[in-house]
């Protein structure tokens, strides 16, 4: 009888465990604060706080005196957070008392449009819809070929497309969605891809037809799927690690000055670099695919959100790249109506090493490497961007991309 009781309890525990795993993360009564670092001590305290607990989520981080930090605080950490601010003489501006309300509003907008079977840019699409659309493009356009760069930990494909109008073109690689919660990134990448095929604008047609485009809307497919199904603010991969911890930051996991700056060795941290370089199936597969194209790819462009920045290497050091002046001048010319700031990663945003663009530059010798931090410029709603912003973001980013390619051409970087 005792044996049967034990079996029954094991079954119950198993069911409970599965239920826990399938529960959706909620942010009821999570508060959002904006804190300005007025001294170097404030910067140090806020940086230390960031890595002290996974109950703090930094939506926006500063790196110099005067910068603002937008921080999500779990209810059980509220008293500790307020006490830290008071002890350090920092003022926190309360932006929201309940983050879940904003997430629910977004979810309701998506549900209201879910019956629409057309792939358009009036909503944020999930991974299955994006992959289905890529497959459909390959059947409709002879210039489009579906490509794969390996599999994710949960065995999803890293699916992209190659767009080629003629042989002998130099290659441009576009990466989207490396951070799961940045939904505007895959949306913008798919918008650009569509325009390369359908636009009649002469400047768009020129870059579409004179370059081979390798376009991957979501290079973190497990994380992106998880952000739609379980946790809207999920950033990392979904690789399981010890202690019930999941995922590494796929933009800190590349083998170029890995984990030296702006990364954590704590698995619970959002910037966890992984236990070793290329520990993640996604980064390993993508790097191997890029390595197979070595010499072909002459520009690497990644899309993130948010802050409206146009960034280029390096992020691991204050030292400038040999072609820093060109990268800076191209970025300056590339800015458009919406205000964007530009600069090398270390100076313009914060120190960060082990990123995909850094690896592309330092290991693959791709000398034109940029990372777009898309809309909005700031504010705590940055990752949960209204879908009405997709088309305007896509339009301005495509205009910027055209200029970027033209400016790069003029400096003789693209070789046939």
Protein backbone atom coordinates (compact mmCIF):
# COMPACT_ATOMS: atom_id res chain seq x y z
CA UNK A 1 0.00 0.00 0.00
CA UNK A 2 2.83 2.38 0.84
CA UNK A 3 4.35 1.70 -2.58
CA UNK A 4 1.10 2.61 -4.33
CA UNK A 5 0.85 5.81 -2.27
CA UNK A 6 4.36 6.71 -3.35
CA UNK A 7 3.50 6.09 -6.99
CA UNK A 8 0.35 8.22 -6.71
CA UNK A 9 2.32 11.07 -5.13
CA UNK A 10 4.94 10.90 -7.88
CA UNK A 11 2.20 11.15 -10.50
CA UNK A 12 0.64 14.12 -8.72
CA UNK A 13 4.00 15.85 -8.40
CA UNK A 14 4.68 15.22 -12.08
CA UNK A 15 1.36 16.76 -13.08
CA UNK A 16 1.96 19.74 -10.79
CA UNK A 17 5.42 20.20 -12.29
CA UNK A 18 4.05 20.22 -15.81
CA UNK A 19 1.39 22.73 -14.78
CA UNK A 20 4.04 25.01 -13.32
CA UNK A 21 6.07 24.77 -16.51
CA UNK A 22 3.05 25.62 -18.66
CA UNK A 23 1.96 28.60 -16.59
CA UNK A 24 2.33 31.98 -18.17
CA UNK A 25 4.62 34.43 -16.40
CA UNK A 26 2.68 37.37 -15.05
CA UNK A 27 3.80 40.76 -13.83
CA UNK A 28 0.87 41.71 -11.62
CA UNK A 29 1.82 44.57 -9.31
CA UNK A 30 5.36 44.69 -10.69
CA UNK A 31 6.33 48.34 -10.52
CA UNK A 32 8.41 50.22 -13.04
CA UNK A 33 10.77 52.94 -11.82
CA UNK A 34 12.95 55.39 -13.64
CA UNK A 35 16.15 56.23 -11.79
CA UNK A 36 18.73 58.79 -12.90
CA UNK A 37 22.35 58.12 -12.00
CA UNK A 38 23.65 61.47 -10.76
CA UNK A 39 27.05 60.25 -9.55
CA UNK A 40 29.54 57.50 -10.30
CA UNK A 41 28.49 55.87 -7.03
CA UNK A 42 24.91 55.79 -8.30
CA UNK A 43 26.11 54.06 -11.47
CA UNK A 44 27.99 51.46 -9.46
CA UNK A 45 25.02 50.81 -7.19
CA UNK A 46 22.60 50.40 -10.08
CA UNK A 47 24.99 48.09 -11.90
CA UNK A 48 25.44 45.99 -8.76
CA UNK A 49 21.68 45.85 -8.22
CA UNK A 50 21.18 44.61 -11.76
CA UNK A 51 23.21 41.47 -11.12
CA UNK A 52 22.03 40.91 -7.56
CA UNK A 53 18.68 39.29 -8.34
CA UNK A 54 16.51 38.16 -11.24
CA UNK A 55 13.64 40.01 -9.53
CA UNK A 56 14.96 43.22 -11.09
CA UNK A 57 14.50 43.58 -14.84
CA UNK A 58 16.34 46.45 -16.50
CA UNK A 59 14.33 47.69 -19.46
CA UNK A 60 16.87 50.41 -20.09
CA UNK A 61 20.36 50.76 -18.66
CA UNK A 62 22.62 53.77 -18.60
CA UNK A 63 26.39 53.82 -18.63
CA UNK A 64 27.36 57.34 -17.61
CA UNK A 65 26.40 59.98 -15.10
CA UNK A 66 23.09 61.57 -16.08
CA UNK A 67 21.71 58.46 -17.80
CA UNK A 68 18.34 57.01 -16.89
CA UNK A 69 17.62 53.43 -15.83
CA UNK A 70 14.13 51.97 -16.26
CA UNK A 71 13.79 49.10 -13.80
CA UNK A 72 10.99 46.58 -13.23
CA UNK A 73 10.75 45.65 -9.55
CA UNK A 74 9.01 42.50 -8.32
CA UNK A 75 6.55 43.10 -5.43
CA UNK A 76 8.60 41.12 -2.91
CA UNK A 77 11.68 43.24 -3.75
CA UNK A 78 9.96 46.60 -3.45
CA UNK A 79 11.03 47.38 0.11
CA UNK A 80 14.66 46.39 -0.61
CA UNK A 81 14.68 48.53 -3.74
CA UNK A 82 13.23 51.60 -2.02
CA UNK A 83 15.66 51.19 0.86
CA UNK A 84 18.60 51.04 -1.57
CA UNK A 85 17.47 54.25 -3.25
CA UNK A 86 17.10 56.03 0.08
CA UNK A 87 20.45 54.80 1.40
CA UNK A 88 22.27 55.94 -1.75
CA UNK A 89 20.40 59.23 -2.03
CA UNK A 90 18.79 58.35 -5.35
CA UNK A 91 15.34 59.40 -6.48
CA UNK A 92 13.08 56.94 -8.26
CA UNK A 93 10.25 58.13 -10.44
CA UNK A 94 7.34 55.66 -10.42
CA UNK A 95 6.22 55.01 -14.00
CA UNK A 96 3.77 52.18 -13.42
CA UNK A 97 2.30 50.29 -10.50
CA UNK A 98 1.27 47.29 -12.61
CA UNK A 99 3.30 46.18 -15.63
CA UNK A 100 0.85 43.35 -16.38
CA UNK A 101 -1.80 45.85 -17.49
CA UNK A 102 0.33 46.95 -20.44
CA UNK A 103 1.09 43.34 -21.41
CA UNK A 104 -2.63 42.46 -21.24
CA UNK A 105 -3.48 45.38 -23.51
CA UNK A 106 -0.96 44.14 -26.09
CA UNK A 107 -2.28 40.59 -25.84
CA UNK A 108 -5.86 41.74 -26.38
CA UNK A 109 -4.84 43.69 -29.50
CA UNK A 110 -3.12 40.61 -30.90
CA UNK A 111 -6.13 38.37 -30.17
CA UNK A 112 -8.47 40.82 -31.88
CA UNK A 113 -6.44 40.51 -35.11
CA UNK A 114 -5.61 36.81 -34.90
CA UNK A 115 -8.35 35.75 -37.35
CA UNK A 116 -6.59 37.65 -40.11
CA UNK A 117 -4.81 35.01 -42.20
CA UNK A 118 -2.83 37.55 -44.23
CA UNK A 119 0.79 38.11 -43.27
CA UNK A 120 1.02 41.86 -42.93
CA UNK A 121 2.64 44.46 -40.72
CA UNK A 122 -0.39 45.47 -38.71
CA UNK A 123 0.43 43.00 -35.94
CA UNK A 124 3.30 41.09 -34.39
CA UNK A 125 3.42 37.55 -35.77
CA UNK A 126 4.52 34.45 -33.90
CA UNK A 127 7.33 32.18 -35.06
CA UNK A 128 5.12 29.72 -36.98
CA UNK A 129 3.57 32.55 -38.98
CA UNK A 130 6.98 34.02 -39.83
CA UNK A 131 8.41 30.66 -40.89
CA UNK A 132 5.30 29.88 -42.92
CA UNK A 133 5.61 33.20 -44.69
CA UNK A 134 9.26 32.57 -45.53
CA UNK A 135 8.32 29.21 -47.07
CA UNK A 136 5.57 30.88 -49.06
CA UNK A 137 7.95 33.51 -50.45
CA UNK A 138 10.18 30.75 -51.82
CA UNK A 139 7.25 29.37 -53.79
CA UNK A 140 6.24 32.77 -55.16
CA UNK A 141 9.60 34.31 -56.07
CA UNK A 142 12.34 32.58 -58.00
CA UNK A 143 14.83 34.94 -56.38
CA UNK A 144 14.06 33.53 -52.91
CA UNK A 145 15.62 30.40 -51.43
CA UNK A 146 14.90 29.11 -47.92
CA UNK A 147 18.10 28.59 -45.92
CA UNK A 148 18.78 27.10 -42.50
CA UNK A 149 21.55 27.83 -40.02
CA UNK A 150 21.16 24.85 -37.73
CA UNK A 151 18.64 24.01 -35.01
CA UNK A 152 17.80 25.50 -31.64
CA UNK A 153 18.02 23.67 -28.33
CA UNK A 154 14.30 22.76 -28.64
CA UNK A 155 14.93 21.64 -32.23
CA UNK A 156 13.39 24.59 -34.01
CA UNK A 157 15.05 25.61 -37.23
CA UNK A 158 17.04 28.82 -37.55
CA UNK A 159 15.21 29.63 -40.75
CA UNK A 160 16.01 32.44 -43.14
CA UNK A 161 16.00 33.20 -46.83
CA UNK A 162 18.54 34.16 -49.43
CA UNK A 163 17.37 36.77 -51.93
CA UNK A 164 19.49 36.85 -55.09
CA UNK A 165 18.67 38.44 -58.42
CA UNK A 166 21.94 37.54 -60.12
CA UNK A 167 25.16 35.68 -59.48
CA UNK A 168 28.34 37.40 -58.36
CA UNK A 169 26.69 39.88 -55.99
CA UNK A 170 28.41 40.78 -52.71
CA UNK A 171 26.49 39.48 -49.69
CA UNK A 172 24.73 41.33 -46.89
CA UNK A 173 23.65 39.42 -43.79
CA UNK A 174 20.66 40.57 -41.72
CA UNK A 175 20.05 39.21 -38.24
CA UNK A 176 16.84 39.74 -36.31
CA UNK A 177 15.34 38.64 -33.04
CA UNK A 178 18.45 37.53 -31.18
CA UNK A 179 16.77 38.87 -28.02
CA UNK A 180 13.38 37.24 -27.71
CA UNK A 181 11.32 40.08 -26.26
CA UNK A 182 12.34 42.63 -28.91
CA UNK A 183 9.38 41.90 -31.19
CA UNK A 184 9.89 44.98 -33.36
CA UNK A 185 13.12 43.41 -34.63
CA UNK A 186 11.61 40.41 -36.52
CA UNK A 187 8.76 42.65 -37.64
CA UNK A 188 11.18 45.18 -39.13
CA UNK A 189 13.35 42.49 -40.73
CA UNK A 190 10.33 40.91 -42.45
CA UNK A 191 9.17 44.36 -43.58
CA UNK A 192 12.57 45.03 -45.19
CA UNK A 193 12.58 41.59 -46.80
CA UNK A 194 9.17 42.18 -48.31
CA UNK A 195 10.20 45.56 -49.68
CA UNK A 196 13.31 44.07 -51.31
CA UNK A 197 10.89 41.93 -53.31
CA UNK A 198 7.94 44.23 -54.03
CA UNK A 199 9.12 47.85 -53.80
CA UNK A 200 9.20 49.86 -57.02
CA UNK A 201 11.35 52.61 -55.52
CA UNK A 202 14.49 52.84 -57.72
CA UNK A 203 16.84 53.15 -54.74
CA UNK A 204 15.35 50.05 -53.09
CA UNK A 205 15.42 48.12 -56.36
CA UNK A 206 19.08 49.00 -56.79
CA UNK A 207 20.19 47.55 -53.46
CA UNK A 208 17.79 44.61 -53.77
CA UNK A 209 19.15 43.49 -57.12
CA UNK A 210 22.85 44.30 -56.72
CA UNK A 211 23.41 42.38 -53.48
CA UNK A 212 22.69 38.90 -52.23
CA UNK A 213 20.67 39.15 -49.02
CA UNK A 214 20.87 36.53 -46.28
CA UNK A 215 17.98 37.36 -43.99
CA UNK A 216 17.12 35.66 -40.68
CA UNK A 217 14.14 37.28 -38.90
CA UNK A 218 14.47 35.28 -35.66
CA UNK A 219 17.82 33.72 -34.71
CA UNK A 220 16.56 32.89 -31.20
CA UNK A 221 13.47 30.87 -32.15
CA UNK A 222 12.99 29.13 -28.79
CA UNK A 223 13.15 32.39 -26.90
CA UNK A 224 10.86 34.18 -29.36
CA UNK A 225 8.26 31.40 -29.16
CA UNK A 226 8.52 31.47 -25.37
CA UNK A 227 8.00 35.24 -25.27
CA UNK A 228 4.72 34.73 -27.16
CA UNK A 229 3.49 31.75 -25.14
CA UNK A 230 4.84 32.14 -21.62
CA UNK A 231 6.82 35.26 -20.74
CA UNK A 232 6.53 38.49 -22.70
CA UNK A 233 9.78 39.86 -21.24
CA UNK A 234 11.92 36.77 -21.88
CA UNK A 235 15.27 37.72 -23.45
CA UNK A 236 17.52 34.66 -23.58
CA UNK A 237 17.61 31.22 -25.17
CA UNK A 238 15.85 28.27 -23.48
CA UNK A 239 18.79 25.96 -22.78
CA UNK A 240 18.29 24.38 -19.33
CA UNK A 241 21.04 24.81 -16.76
CA UNK A 242 21.45 23.62 -13.20
CA UNK A 243 19.26 24.91 -10.41
CA UNK A 244 16.18 25.30 -12.58
CA UNK A 245 17.78 28.11 -14.57
CA UNK A 246 17.13 28.54 -18.27
CA UNK A 247 18.90 30.25 -21.10
CA UNK A 248 21.92 32.34 -21.96
CA UNK A 249 22.08 35.72 -23.63
CA UNK A 250 22.78 34.79 -27.27
CA UNK A 251 24.33 38.19 -27.86
CA UNK A 252 26.99 37.56 -25.21
CA UNK A 253 27.81 33.99 -26.24
CA UNK A 254 30.04 34.51 -29.30
CA UNK A 255 33.72 33.63 -29.23
CA UNK A 256 35.22 37.10 -29.46
CA UNK A 257 36.38 38.54 -26.13
CA UNK A 258 33.71 36.33 -24.60
CA UNK A 259 32.41 37.38 -21.17
CA UNK A 260 35.02 40.12 -20.70
CA UNK A 261 32.67 43.10 -20.55
CA UNK A 262 28.97 43.66 -19.93
CA UNK A 263 28.20 39.99 -19.35
CA UNK A 264 27.49 37.82 -16.35
CA UNK A 265 28.56 34.35 -15.24
CA UNK A 266 25.32 33.96 -13.24
CA UNK A 267 22.75 31.91 -15.08
CA UNK A 268 19.86 33.87 -13.56
CA UNK A 269 21.18 37.08 -15.09
CA UNK A 270 19.65 38.35 -18.32
CA UNK A 271 23.18 38.92 -19.64
CA UNK A 272 24.44 35.44 -18.74
CA UNK A 273 27.16 34.71 -21.29
CA UNK A 274 26.74 30.95 -21.08
CA UNK A 275 29.22 28.51 -19.54
CA UNK A 276 31.56 28.83 -22.52
CA UNK A 277 31.60 30.45 -26.00
CA UNK A 278 29.05 29.01 -28.40
CA UNK A 279 27.46 26.93 -25.65
CA UNK A 280 24.08 27.73 -27.22
CA UNK A 281 22.86 25.70 -30.19
CA UNK A 282 21.65 28.88 -31.83
CA UNK A 283 24.92 30.81 -31.75
CA UNK A 284 26.93 27.73 -32.68
CA UNK A 285 24.73 26.99 -35.68
CA UNK A 286 24.62 30.59 -36.88
CA UNK A 287 28.39 31.01 -36.52
CA UNK A 288 29.04 27.82 -38.47
CA UNK A 289 26.71 28.95 -41.22
CA UNK A 290 28.43 32.33 -41.39
CA UNK A 291 31.79 30.58 -41.47
CA UNK A 292 30.60 28.65 -44.54
CA UNK A 293 30.03 32.02 -46.25
CA UNK A 294 33.39 33.51 -45.29
CA UNK A 295 34.51 36.00 -47.92
CA UNK A 296 31.00 36.27 -49.34
CA UNK A 297 29.40 38.41 -46.61
CA UNK A 298 30.62 42.00 -46.70
CA UNK A 299 28.15 43.64 -44.34
CA UNK A 300 26.52 42.33 -41.16
CA UNK A 301 23.50 44.19 -39.84
CA UNK A 302 21.64 43.27 -36.66
CA UNK A 303 18.32 44.65 -35.45
CA UNK A 304 17.49 45.13 -31.77
CA UNK A 305 15.31 47.36 -29.64
CA UNK A 306 15.20 49.80 -28.12
CA UNK A 307 16.72 53.31 -27.74
CA UNK A 308 17.05 54.54 -31.34
CA UNK A 309 20.76 53.97 -31.73
CA UNK A 310 22.99 52.97 -34.62
CA UNK A 311 25.97 51.14 -33.17
CA UNK A 312 29.19 49.66 -34.50
CA UNK A 313 32.23 47.84 -32.96
CA UNK A 314 33.89 47.74 -30.53
CA UNK A 315 31.98 46.93 -27.38
CA UNK A 316 34.69 45.17 -25.39
CA UNK A 317 37.13 48.10 -25.30
CA UNK A 318 37.42 51.85 -25.62
CA UNK A 319 39.89 51.23 -28.43
CA UNK A 320 38.48 52.15 -31.84
CA UNK A 321 38.38 49.91 -34.88
CA UNK A 322 40.85 50.68 -37.69
CA UNK A 323 37.94 51.94 -39.83
CA UNK A 324 36.20 53.78 -37.01
CA UNK A 325 36.10 57.03 -38.97
CA UNK A 326 34.35 55.41 -41.92
CA UNK A 327 31.87 53.58 -39.70
CA UNK A 328 31.10 56.82 -37.89
CA UNK A 329 30.67 58.85 -41.09
CA UNK A 330 28.44 56.19 -42.66
CA UNK A 331 26.30 56.12 -39.52
CA UNK A 332 26.07 59.89 -39.46
CA UNK A 333 24.86 59.98 -43.07
CA UNK A 334 22.44 57.14 -42.40
CA UNK A 335 20.38 58.92 -39.78
CA UNK A 336 16.89 59.88 -40.86
CA UNK A 337 13.84 61.82 -39.68
CA UNK A 338 13.42 59.96 -36.41
CA UNK A 339 16.26 61.01 -34.14
CA UNK A 340 18.96 58.36 -33.78
CA UNK A 341 22.28 58.59 -31.97
CA UNK A 342 25.28 56.70 -33.28
CA UNK A 343 28.66 55.51 -32.10
CA UNK A 344 30.77 52.54 -31.14
CA UNK A 345 29.04 50.21 -28.69
CA UNK A 346 31.33 50.85 -25.73
CA UNK A 347 30.92 54.62 -25.80
CA UNK A 348 27.39 54.99 -27.18
CA UNK A 349 25.53 52.56 -24.95
CA UNK A 350 27.61 50.40 -22.58
CA UNK A 351 30.51 47.93 -22.54
CA UNK A 352 29.46 44.60 -24.02
CA UNK A 353 31.51 41.72 -25.37
CA UNK A 354 30.71 38.40 -27.00
CA UNK A 355 28.14 39.84 -29.42
CA UNK A 356 27.38 38.57 -32.92
CA UNK A 357 28.43 41.79 -34.63
CA UNK A 358 31.71 41.92 -32.74
CA UNK A 359 32.46 38.33 -33.83
CA UNK A 360 31.51 39.13 -37.43
CA UNK A 361 33.93 42.05 -37.40
CA UNK A 362 36.78 40.51 -35.42
CA UNK A 363 36.70 36.90 -36.60
CA UNK A 364 35.01 36.95 -40.00
CA UNK A 365 36.77 40.17 -41.01
CA UNK A 366 33.50 41.80 -42.10
CA UNK A 367 34.32 45.49 -41.90
CA UNK A 368 30.82 46.90 -42.23
CA UNK A 369 28.97 45.90 -39.07
CA UNK A 370 26.06 47.79 -37.55
CA UNK A 371 23.45 47.19 -34.89
CA UNK A 372 20.20 49.11 -35.00
CA UNK A 373 18.43 49.74 -31.72
CA UNK A 374 14.98 50.50 -33.08
CA UNK A 375 12.07 52.51 -31.67
CA UNK A 376 11.28 53.90 -29.20
CA UNK A 377 13.95 56.31 -28.01
CA UNK A 378 13.22 55.57 -24.38
CA UNK A 379 10.50 55.07 -21.83
CA UNK A 380 9.42 51.98 -19.98
CA UNK A 381 7.06 50.72 -22.69
CA UNK A 382 9.95 50.09 -25.08
CA UNK A 383 9.67 46.33 -25.59
CA UNK A 384 5.87 46.36 -25.66
CA UNK A 385 5.60 48.62 -28.67
CA UNK A 386 2.14 49.22 -30.17
CA UNK A 387 1.73 47.39 -33.52
CA UNK A 388 0.83 50.70 -35.14
CA UNK A 389 4.56 51.47 -34.88
CA UNK A 390 5.64 48.55 -37.09
CA UNK A 391 5.13 50.14 -40.52
CA UNK A 392 6.62 53.55 -39.60
CA UNK A 393 9.61 51.78 -38.05
CA UNK A 394 10.02 49.64 -41.15
CA UNK A 395 9.75 52.59 -43.52
CA UNK A 396 12.33 54.73 -41.78
CA UNK A 397 14.69 51.80 -41.24
CA UNK A 398 14.54 50.81 -44.91
CA UNK A 399 15.34 54.41 -45.88
CA UNK A 400 18.28 54.30 -43.50
CA UNK A 401 19.46 50.95 -44.88
CA UNK A 402 19.43 52.29 -48.44
CA UNK A 403 21.63 55.19 -47.39
CA UNK A 404 23.91 52.91 -45.40
CA UNK A 405 24.52 50.73 -48.45
CA UNK A 406 25.03 53.71 -50.73
CA UNK A 407 27.50 55.35 -48.35
CA UNK A 408 29.39 52.09 -47.97
CA UNK A 409 29.56 51.68 -51.75
CA UNK A 410 31.09 55.12 -52.11
CA UNK A 411 33.88 54.15 -49.73
CA UNK A 412 34.73 51.08 -51.79
CA UNK A 413 33.94 48.43 -49.19
CA UNK A 414 31.81 46.15 -51.36
CA UNK A 415 33.89 43.94 -53.61
CA UNK A 416 32.44 41.66 -56.28
